Amino acid sequence: MLSRLILLAVQLVVAWVAAPLIVRYIPGLGRFQLFVYAAVFAVLVWVIGLVLAQVLRGVGQPTNAALASALIVALIGAALVTWLPTLVPDVRGPMRAIPDLAYPLIGALIGYHIRR
């Protein structure tokens, strides 16, 4: 259980720090920047899971299904941030308390750990 918690913490920190460094090399994002962040978050979370599965005891190798579910849930998180405030204006206030990039990152983490 402790190894899974360490995995989650390392995935959260590394993805949060490394994703902006990676995304800045992708030109011309425009309105789709949050969706590109979602894809980068999902891939980073999965790759970190691959690496730490070799180091930590009790953490199995992630499968392709874990990558797919991390990507799908991260894209859902990006879609919620993009379109939910326009559909339900009352949600805009509480959603601004959390940074927009946190939603796809949390989605990628949830998607990865659901399939694990």
C-alpha atoms as a PDB file:
ATOM      1  CA  MET A   1       0.000   0.000   0.000  1.00  0.00           C
ATOM      2  CA  LEU A   2       2.853   2.365   0.810  1.00  0.00           C
ATOM      3  CA  SER A   3       4.475   1.678  -2.552  1.00  0.00           C
ATOM      4  CA  ARG A   4       1.240   2.615  -4.356  1.00  0.00           C
ATOM      5  CA  LEU A   5       1.063   5.852  -2.373  1.00  0.00           C
ATOM      6  CA  ILE A   6       4.682   6.642  -3.274  1.00  0.00           C
ATOM      7  CA  LEU A   7       3.877   5.886  -6.922  1.00  0.00           C
ATOM      8  CA  LEU A   8       0.904   8.265  -6.832  1.00  0.00           C
ATOM      9  CA  ALA A   9       2.931  11.062  -5.215  1.00  0.00           C
ATOM     10  CA  VAL A  10       5.834  10.735  -7.663  1.00  0.00           C
ATOM     11  CA  GLN A  11       3.454  10.635 -10.637  1.00  0.00           C
ATOM     12  CA  LEU A  12       1.676  13.757  -9.404  1.00  0.00           C
ATOM     13  CA  VAL A  13       4.824  15.795  -8.807  1.00  0.00           C
ATOM     14  CA  VAL A  14       6.774  14.744 -11.906  1.00  0.00           C
ATOM     15  CA  ALA A  15       3.818  15.165 -14.274  1.00  0.00           C
ATOM     16  CA  TRP A  16       2.960  18.584 -12.817  1.00  0.00           C
ATOM     17  CA  VAL A  17       6.547  19.809 -13.239  1.00  0.00           C
ATOM     18  CA  ALA A  18       7.506  18.087 -16.517  1.00  0.00           C
ATOM     19  CA  ALA A  19       4.354  18.616 -18.603  1.00  0.00           C
ATOM     20  CA  PRO A  20       4.816  22.384 -19.140  1.00  0.00           C
ATOM     21  CA  LEU A  21       8.420  21.743 -20.177  1.00  0.00           C
ATOM     22  CA  ILE A  22       7.262  19.220 -22.781  1.00  0.00           C
ATOM     23  CA  VAL A  23       4.209  21.111 -24.062  1.00  0.00           C
ATOM     24  CA  ARG A  24       6.136  24.293 -24.798  1.00  0.00           C
ATOM     25  CA  TYR A  25       7.908  22.445 -27.635  1.00  0.00           C
ATOM     26  CA  ILE A  26       4.602  21.665 -29.369  1.00  0.00           C
ATOM     27  CA  PRO A  27       3.740  24.621 -31.654  1.00  0.00           C
ATOM     28  CA  GLY A  28       0.351  26.139 -32.447  1.00  0.00           C
ATOM     29  CA  LEU A  29      -1.956  24.722 -29.820  1.00  0.00           C
ATOM     30  CA  GLY A  30      -4.530  27.473 -29.500  1.00  0.00           C
ATOM     31  CA  ARG A  31      -7.765  26.306 -27.917  1.00  0.00           C
ATOM     32  CA  PHE A  32      -6.591  22.700 -27.797  1.00  0.00           C
ATOM     33  CA  GLN A  33      -3.722  23.352 -25.410  1.00  0.00           C
ATOM     34  CA  LEU A  34      -5.554  21.825 -22.448  1.00  0.00           C
ATOM     35  CA  PHE A  35      -6.244  18.653 -24.446  1.00  0.00           C
ATOM     36  CA  VAL A  36      -2.567  18.387 -25.379  1.00  0.00           C
ATOM     37  CA  TYR A  37      -1.731  18.760 -21.697  1.00  0.00           C
ATOM     38  CA  ALA A  38      -4.174  15.930 -20.965  1.00  0.00           C
ATOM     39  CA  ALA A  39      -2.393  13.644 -23.427  1.00  0.00           C
ATOM     40  CA  VAL A  40       1.033  14.588 -22.056  1.00  0.00           C
ATOM     41  CA  PHE A  41      -0.149  14.036 -18.472  1.00  0.00           C
ATOM     42  CA  ALA A  42      -1.495  10.585 -19.369  1.00  0.00           C
ATOM     43  CA  VAL A  43       1.710   9.509 -21.102  1.00  0.00           C
ATOM     44  CA  LEU A  44       3.896  10.860 -18.290  1.00  0.00           C
ATOM     45  CA  VAL A  45       1.826   9.114 -15.616  1.00  0.00           C
ATOM     46  CA  TRP A  46       2.064   5.845 -17.540  1.00  0.00           C
ATOM     47  CA  VAL A  47       5.829   6.123 -18.188  1.00  0.00           C
ATOM     48  CA  ILE A  48       6.484   6.949 -14.539  1.00  0.00           C
ATOM     49  CA  GLY A  49       4.419   3.887 -13.652  1.00  0.00           C
ATOM     50  CA  LEU A  50       6.610   1.785 -15.961  1.00  0.00           C
ATOM     51  CA  VAL A  51       9.814   3.069 -14.398  1.00  0.00           C
ATOM     52  CA  LEU A  52       8.687   2.819 -10.790  1.00  0.00           C
ATOM     53  CA  ALA A  53       7.289  -0.679 -11.330  1.00  0.00           C
ATOM     54  CA  GLN A  54      10.916  -1.757 -11.721  1.00  0.00           C
ATOM     55  CA  VAL A  55      11.981  -0.002  -8.520  1.00  0.00           C
ATOM     56  CA  LEU A  56       9.096  -0.372  -6.075  1.00  0.00           C
ATOM     57  CA  ARG A  57       8.043  -3.688  -4.645  1.00  0.00           C
ATOM     58  CA  GLY A  58       4.340  -4.461  -4.858  1.00  0.00           C
ATOM     59  CA  VAL A  59       3.664  -2.289  -7.897  1.00  0.00           C
ATOM     60  CA  GLY A  60       2.861  -4.237 -11.046  1.00  0.00           C
ATOM     61  CA  GLN A  61       3.698  -3.274 -14.608  1.00  0.00           C
ATOM     62  CA  PRO A  62       1.086  -0.968 -16.147  1.00  0.00           C
ATOM     63  CA  THR A  63      -0.669  -2.292 -19.215  1.00  0.00           C
ATOM     64  CA  ASN A  64      -1.780  -0.599 -22.405  1.00  0.00           C
ATOM     65  CA  ALA A  65      -5.266  -0.501 -20.889  1.00  0.00           C
ATOM     66  CA  ALA A  66      -3.905   1.654 -18.061  1.00  0.00           C
ATOM     67  CA  LEU A  67      -2.519   4.093 -20.636  1.00  0.00           C
ATOM     68  CA  ALA A  68      -5.812   4.138 -22.534  1.00  0.00           C
ATOM     69  CA  SER A  69      -7.911   4.733 -19.433  1.00  0.00           C
ATOM     70  CA  ALA A  70      -5.512   7.436 -18.186  1.00  0.00           C
ATOM     71  CA  LEU A  71      -5.781   9.165 -21.563  1.00  0.00           C
ATOM     72  CA  ILE A  72      -9.578   8.904 -21.719  1.00  0.00           C
ATOM     73  CA  VAL A  73     -10.183  10.181 -18.183  1.00  0.00           C
ATOM     74  CA  ALA A  74      -7.610  12.983 -18.638  1.00  0.00           C
ATOM     75  CA  LEU A  75      -9.391  14.090 -21.819  1.00  0.00           C
ATOM     76  CA  ILE A  76     -12.701  14.010 -19.938  1.00  0.00           C
ATOM     77  CA  GLY A  77     -11.130  16.270 -17.296  1.00  0.00           C
ATOM     78  CA  ALA A  78      -9.955  18.679 -19.994  1.00  0.00           C
ATOM     79  CA  ALA A  79     -13.400  18.653 -21.607  1.00  0.00           C
ATOM     80  CA  LEU A  80     -15.046  19.439 -18.262  1.00  0.00           C
ATOM     81  CA  VAL A  81     -12.826  22.480 -17.765  1.00  0.00           C
ATOM     82  CA  THR A  82     -13.371  23.639 -21.330  1.00  0.00           C
ATOM     83  CA  TRP A  83     -17.105  23.183 -21.810  1.00  0.00           C
ATOM     84  CA  LEU A  84     -18.819  22.773 -18.432  1.00  0.00           C
ATOM     85  CA  PRO A  85     -18.629  26.469 -17.394  1.00  0.00           C
ATOM     86  CA  THR A  86     -20.342  27.493 -20.641  1.00  0.00           C
ATOM     87  CA  LEU A  87     -23.117  24.935 -20.180  1.00  0.00           C
ATOM     88  CA  VAL A  88     -23.626  25.484 -16.439  1.00  0.00           C
ATOM     89  CA  PRO A  89     -22.586  29.057 -15.540  1.00  0.00           C
ATOM     90  CA  ASP A  90     -23.022  28.522 -11.777  1.00  0.00           C
ATOM     91  CA  VAL A  91     -20.133  26.053 -11.788  1.00  0.00           C
ATOM     92  CA  ARG A  92     -17.630  28.662 -12.987  1.00  0.00           C
ATOM     93  CA  GLY A  93     -16.974  30.117  -9.506  1.00  0.00           C
ATOM     94  CA  PRO A  94     -16.120  26.906  -7.644  1.00  0.00           C
ATOM     95  CA  MET A  95     -14.104  25.557 -10.592  1.00  0.00           C
ATOM     96  CA  ARG A  96     -11.785  28.580 -10.551  1.00  0.00           C
ATOM     97  CA  ALA A  97     -10.544  27.586  -7.075  1.00  0.00           C
ATOM     98  CA  ILE A  98      -8.554  24.750  -8.707  1.00  0.00           C
ATOM     99  CA  PRO A  99      -6.092  25.466 -11.563  1.00  0.00           C
ATOM    100  CA  ASP A 100      -7.319  24.384 -14.994  1.00  0.00           C
ATOM    101  CA  LEU A 101      -4.339  22.068 -15.509  1.00  0.00           C
ATOM    102  CA  ALA A 102      -5.177  20.129 -12.347  1.00  0.00           C
ATOM    103  CA  TYR A 103      -8.338  18.606 -13.846  1.00  0.00           C
ATOM    104  CA  PRO A 104      -6.635  16.650 -16.654  1.00  0.00           C
ATOM    105  CA  LEU A 105      -3.792  15.673 -14.308  1.00  0.00           C
ATOM    106  CA  ILE A 106      -6.191  14.328 -11.701  1.00  0.00           C
ATOM    107  CA  GLY A 107      -8.089  12.582 -14.492  1.00  0.00           C
ATOM    108  CA  ALA A 108      -4.907  10.916 -15.749  1.00  0.00           C
ATOM    109  CA  LEU A 109      -4.037   9.749 -12.243  1.00  0.00           C
ATOM    110  CA  ILE A 110      -7.532   8.405 -11.593  1.00  0.00           C
ATOM    111  CA  GLY A 111      -7.641   6.670 -14.963  1.00  0.00           C
ATOM    112  CA  TYR A 112      -4.247   5.058 -14.402  1.00  0.00           C
ATOM    113  CA  HIS A 113      -5.020   3.840 -10.898  1.00  0.00           C
ATOM    114  CA  ILE A 114      -8.493   2.556 -11.793  1.00  0.00           C
ATOM    115  CA  ARG A 115      -6.961   0.136 -14.289  1.00  0.00           C
ATOM    116  CA  ARG A 116      -4.174  -0.915 -11.918  1.00  0.00           C
END
